[in-house]
Amino acid sequence: MVDTPASVLFACSLNAVRSPMAEALAKWLFGTRIYLESAGVHAGDLDDFAIAVLDEVGVDLHRHHVKTLDAIDPGEFDLIVTLSPEAHHAALELTRDVATAVEYWPTMDPSAVAGDRERRLDAYRAVRDQLARKLRQRFGAGAAGAFV
């Protein structure tokens, strides 16, 4: 039996790549079975490569609005999944006085990969696929016919 929380917040440094990808993939996989949000330690701009690699598999990220952890009440979530060291430290600080669990899923920042467009897209695809696998592993199978 998979322990599935009712509400999950994904957090990373800027809410521009990893956490919005995790949120969009989770919504695609699990629909309304879990309440899902994402936020960053700092505000960033949504990354076009993140949008592109999710478009490739039919997951929509176009309407995502960047949020920061300052705008989040950690007590509203059963679980915060952090995807960067900075977000992990911030989430632990935020949850000192609430009964919200925090899990760290170390996830490479694909925006740090240099090279031509295809090399960079491959880095984003690797993160997309890693997140999809981890989501299924942690929360259950999700949508049938999903890409990974």
C-alpha atoms as a PDB file:
ATOM      1  CA  MET A   1       0.000   0.000   0.000  1.00  0.00           C
ATOM      2  CA  VAL A   2       1.405   3.402  -1.004  1.00  0.00           C
ATOM      3  CA  ASP A   3       1.166   6.153   1.626  1.00  0.00           C
ATOM      4  CA  THR A   4      -0.542   8.906  -0.355  1.00  0.00           C
ATOM      5  CA  PRO A   5      -0.916  12.273   1.330  1.00  0.00           C
ATOM      6  CA  ALA A   6      -3.999  14.383   0.590  1.00  0.00           C
ATOM      7  CA  SER A   7      -1.934  17.490  -0.221  1.00  0.00           C
ATOM      8  CA  VAL A   8       1.609  17.946  -1.552  1.00  0.00           C
ATOM      9  CA  LEU A   9       3.740  21.011  -2.183  1.00  0.00           C
ATOM     10  CA  PHE A  10       6.753  20.708  -4.489  1.00  0.00           C
ATOM     11  CA  ALA A  11       9.493  23.233  -3.751  1.00  0.00           C
ATOM     12  CA  CYS A  12      12.715  24.254  -5.489  1.00  0.00           C
ATOM     13  CA  SER A  13      14.851  27.367  -5.731  1.00  0.00           C
ATOM     14  CA  LEU A  14      12.893  29.499  -8.244  1.00  0.00           C
ATOM     15  CA  ASN A  15       9.615  27.667  -9.048  1.00  0.00           C
ATOM     16  CA  ALA A  16      10.734  27.948 -12.664  1.00  0.00           C
ATOM     17  CA  VAL A  17      11.811  24.418 -13.675  1.00  0.00           C
ATOM     18  CA  ARG A  18      11.819  21.496 -11.238  1.00  0.00           C
ATOM     19  CA  SER A  19       8.906  22.231  -8.913  1.00  0.00           C
ATOM     20  CA  PRO A  20       6.471  23.339 -11.637  1.00  0.00           C
ATOM     21  CA  MET A  21       7.452  20.279 -13.680  1.00  0.00           C
ATOM     22  CA  ALA A  22       6.767  18.046 -10.659  1.00  0.00           C
ATOM     23  CA  GLU A  23       3.431  19.767  -9.989  1.00  0.00           C
ATOM     24  CA  ALA A  24       2.279  19.493 -13.624  1.00  0.00           C
ATOM     25  CA  LEU A  25       3.373  15.856 -13.935  1.00  0.00           C
ATOM     26  CA  ALA A  26       1.679  14.956 -10.644  1.00  0.00           C
ATOM     27  CA  LYS A  27      -1.568  16.650 -11.713  1.00  0.00           C
ATOM     28  CA  TRP A  28      -1.391  14.770 -15.013  1.00  0.00           C
ATOM     29  CA  LEU A  29      -0.741  11.449 -13.280  1.00  0.00           C
ATOM     30  CA  PHE A  30      -3.084  11.765 -10.296  1.00  0.00           C
ATOM     31  CA  GLY A  31      -5.714  14.330 -11.295  1.00  0.00           C
ATOM     32  CA  THR A  32      -7.645  15.546  -8.270  1.00  0.00           C
ATOM     33  CA  ARG A  33      -6.759  12.533  -6.098  1.00  0.00           C
ATOM     34  CA  ILE A  34      -4.105  14.728  -4.419  1.00  0.00           C
ATOM     35  CA  TYR A  35      -4.155  18.512  -3.920  1.00  0.00           C
ATOM     36  CA  LEU A  36      -0.930  19.708  -5.581  1.00  0.00           C
ATOM     37  CA  GLU A  37       0.955  23.020  -5.654  1.00  0.00           C
ATOM     38  CA  SER A  38       4.509  24.223  -6.168  1.00  0.00           C
ATOM     39  CA  ALA A  39       6.602  27.135  -4.973  1.00  0.00           C
ATOM     40  CA  GLY A  40      10.165  28.404  -4.933  1.00  0.00           C
ATOM     41  CA  VAL A  41      12.421  29.955  -2.355  1.00  0.00           C
ATOM     42  CA  HIS A  42      12.745  32.915  -4.745  1.00  0.00           C
ATOM     43  CA  ALA A  43      10.570  34.080  -7.635  1.00  0.00           C
ATOM     44  CA  GLY A  44      11.864  33.201 -11.086  1.00  0.00           C
ATOM     45  CA  ASP A  45      10.469  33.153 -14.595  1.00  0.00           C
ATOM     46  CA  LEU A  46       8.922  29.972 -15.927  1.00  0.00           C
ATOM     47  CA  ASP A  47      11.511  28.237 -18.100  1.00  0.00           C
ATOM     48  CA  ASP A  48      10.692  27.709 -21.801  1.00  0.00           C
ATOM     49  CA  PHE A  49      12.651  24.440 -21.930  1.00  0.00           C
ATOM     50  CA  ALA A  50      10.533  23.052 -19.061  1.00  0.00           C
ATOM     51  CA  ILE A  51       7.400  23.954 -21.024  1.00  0.00           C
ATOM     52  CA  ALA A  52       8.794  22.352 -24.195  1.00  0.00           C
ATOM     53  CA  VAL A  53       9.712  18.981 -22.668  1.00  0.00           C
ATOM     54  CA  LEU A  54       6.347  18.679 -20.956  1.00  0.00           C
ATOM     55  CA  ASP A  55       4.602  19.590 -24.223  1.00  0.00           C
ATOM     56  CA  GLU A  56       6.421  16.622 -25.796  1.00  0.00           C
ATOM     57  CA  VAL A  57       4.490  14.234 -23.541  1.00  0.00           C
ATOM     58  CA  GLY A  58       1.174  16.076 -23.530  1.00  0.00           C
ATOM     59  CA  VAL A  59       1.496  17.777 -20.139  1.00  0.00           C
ATOM     60  CA  ASP A  60       0.502  21.447 -20.038  1.00  0.00           C
ATOM     61  CA  LEU A  61       2.701  23.866 -18.104  1.00  0.00           C
ATOM     62  CA  HIS A  62       1.758  27.029 -20.020  1.00  0.00           C
ATOM     63  CA  ARG A  63      -0.644  28.393 -17.377  1.00  0.00           C
ATOM     64  CA  HIS A  64       1.693  27.933 -14.410  1.00  0.00           C
ATOM     65  CA  HIS A  65       2.063  31.004 -12.190  1.00  0.00           C
ATOM     66  CA  VAL A  66       5.314  31.276 -10.270  1.00  0.00           C
ATOM     67  CA  LYS A  67       4.898  31.401  -6.469  1.00  0.00           C
ATOM     68  CA  THR A  68       7.306  31.703  -3.573  1.00  0.00           C
ATOM     69  CA  LEU A  69       7.303  29.853  -0.279  1.00  0.00           C
ATOM     70  CA  ASP A  70       6.478  33.179   1.409  1.00  0.00           C
ATOM     71  CA  ALA A  71       2.987  32.937  -0.142  1.00  0.00           C
ATOM     72  CA  ILE A  72       2.412  29.398   1.172  1.00  0.00           C
ATOM     73  CA  ASP A  73       0.961  28.242   4.486  1.00  0.00           C
ATOM     74  CA  PRO A  74       2.946  25.059   5.161  1.00  0.00           C
ATOM     75  CA  GLY A  75       0.202  23.822   7.503  1.00  0.00           C
ATOM     76  CA  GLU A  76      -2.089  23.416   4.484  1.00  0.00           C
ATOM     77  CA  PHE A  77       0.062  20.543   3.184  1.00  0.00           C
ATOM     78  CA  ASP A  78       0.599  17.019   4.462  1.00  0.00           C
ATOM     79  CA  LEU A  79       3.909  16.801   2.626  1.00  0.00           C
ATOM     80  CA  ILE A  80       6.461  19.168   1.130  1.00  0.00           C
ATOM     81  CA  VAL A  81       8.741  17.546  -1.457  1.00  0.00           C
ATOM     82  CA  THR A  82      11.907  19.569  -1.908  1.00  0.00           C
ATOM     83  CA  LEU A  83      13.922  19.286  -5.095  1.00  0.00           C
ATOM     84  CA  SER A  84      16.932  21.494  -4.299  1.00  0.00           C
ATOM     85  CA  PRO A  85      19.120  21.871  -1.199  1.00  0.00           C
ATOM     86  CA  GLU A  86      18.067  25.515  -0.800  1.00  0.00           C
ATOM     87  CA  ALA A  87      14.375  24.578  -0.869  1.00  0.00           C
ATOM     88  CA  HIS A  88      14.970  21.720   1.556  1.00  0.00           C
ATOM     89  CA  HIS A  89      16.527  24.009   4.146  1.00  0.00           C
ATOM     90  CA  ALA A  90      13.754  26.576   3.673  1.00  0.00           C
ATOM     91  CA  ALA A  91      11.035  23.914   4.018  1.00  0.00           C
ATOM     92  CA  LEU A  92      12.554  22.545   7.205  1.00  0.00           C
ATOM     93  CA  GLU A  93      12.559  26.071   8.632  1.00  0.00           C
ATOM     94  CA  LEU A  94       8.952  26.667   7.504  1.00  0.00           C
ATOM     95  CA  THR A  95       7.685  23.455   9.066  1.00  0.00           C
ATOM     96  CA  ARG A  96       9.330  23.769  12.481  1.00  0.00           C
ATOM     97  CA  ASP A  97       5.977  24.459  14.163  1.00  0.00           C
ATOM     98  CA  VAL A  98       3.582  22.464  11.966  1.00  0.00           C
ATOM     99  CA  ALA A  99       2.946  18.771  11.404  1.00  0.00           C
ATOM    100  CA  THR A 100       3.951  18.824   7.745  1.00  0.00           C
ATOM    101  CA  ALA A 101       6.353  16.137   6.580  1.00  0.00           C
ATOM    102  CA  VAL A 102       9.310  17.113   4.369  1.00  0.00           C
ATOM    103  CA  GLU A 103      11.006  14.798   1.868  1.00  0.00           C
ATOM    104  CA  TYR A 104      14.097  15.629  -0.158  1.00  0.00           C
ATOM    105  CA  TRP A 105      14.274  14.335  -3.729  1.00  0.00           C
ATOM    106  CA  PRO A 106      17.692  15.483  -5.002  1.00  0.00           C
ATOM    107  CA  THR A 107      17.057  16.707  -8.537  1.00  0.00           C
ATOM    108  CA  MET A 108      19.612  18.162 -10.927  1.00  0.00           C
ATOM    109  CA  ASP A 109      18.979  21.702 -12.138  1.00  0.00           C
ATOM    110  CA  PRO A 110      18.844  21.249 -15.925  1.00  0.00           C
ATOM    111  CA  SER A 111      19.156  24.995 -16.502  1.00  0.00           C
ATOM    112  CA  ALA A 112      22.795  24.667 -15.388  1.00  0.00           C
ATOM    113  CA  VAL A 113      23.622  22.435 -18.380  1.00  0.00           C
ATOM    114  CA  ALA A 114      25.519  24.234 -21.127  1.00  0.00           C
ATOM    115  CA  GLY A 115      25.650  23.394 -24.796  1.00  0.00           C
ATOM    116  CA  ASP A 116      23.454  23.487 -27.852  1.00  0.00           C
ATOM    117  CA  ARG A 117      19.656  23.401 -27.734  1.00  0.00           C
ATOM    118  CA  GLU A 118      19.411  19.610 -28.069  1.00  0.00           C
ATOM    119  CA  ARG A 119      21.903  18.955 -25.259  1.00  0.00           C
ATOM    120  CA  ARG A 120      19.996  21.311 -22.994  1.00  0.00           C
ATOM    121  CA  LEU A 121      16.644  19.746 -23.918  1.00  0.00           C
ATOM    122  CA  ASP A 122      18.076  16.314 -23.114  1.00  0.00           C
ATOM    123  CA  ALA A 123      18.925  17.539 -19.603  1.00  0.00           C
ATOM    124  CA  TYR A 124      15.347  18.761 -19.115  1.00  0.00           C
ATOM    125  CA  ARG A 125      13.977  15.473 -20.477  1.00  0.00           C
ATOM    126  CA  ALA A 126      16.115  13.555 -17.993  1.00  0.00           C
ATOM    127  CA  VAL A 127      14.676  15.616 -15.117  1.00  0.00           C
ATOM    128  CA  ARG A 128      11.126  15.189 -16.470  1.00  0.00           C
ATOM    129  CA  ASP A 129      11.535  11.421 -16.671  1.00  0.00           C
ATOM    130  CA  GLN A 130      13.210  11.195 -13.254  1.00  0.00           C
ATOM    131  CA  LEU A 131      10.366  13.155 -11.655  1.00  0.00           C
ATOM    132  CA  ALA A 132       7.696  11.018 -13.355  1.00  0.00           C
ATOM    133  CA  ARG A 133       9.365   7.818 -12.125  1.00  0.00           C
ATOM    134  CA  LYS A 134       9.734   9.169  -8.593  1.00  0.00           C
ATOM    135  CA  LEU A 135       6.107  10.367  -8.521  1.00  0.00           C
ATOM    136  CA  ARG A 136       4.867   6.902  -9.508  1.00  0.00           C
ATOM    137  CA  GLN A 137       7.193   5.223  -7.053  1.00  0.00           C
ATOM    138  CA  ARG A 138       6.130   7.462  -4.165  1.00  0.00           C
ATOM    139  CA  PHE A 139       2.399   7.982  -4.853  1.00  0.00           C
ATOM    140  CA  GLY A 140       1.316   5.018  -6.993  1.00  0.00           C
ATOM    141  CA  ALA A 141       0.812   4.216 -10.658  1.00  0.00           C
ATOM    142  CA  GLY A 142      -1.303   7.189 -11.699  1.00  0.00           C
ATOM    143  CA  ALA A 143      -2.658   7.623 -15.228  1.00  0.00           C
ATOM    144  CA  ALA A 144      -2.601   4.670 -17.564  1.00  0.00           C
ATOM    145  CA  GLY A 145      -0.554   5.008 -20.723  1.00  0.00           C
ATOM    146  CA  ALA A 146       1.739   7.607 -19.245  1.00  0.00           C
ATOM    147  CA  PHE A 147       5.088   8.048 -21.003  1.00  0.00           C
ATOM    148  CA  VAL A 148       7.503   6.592 -18.402  1.00  0.00           C
END
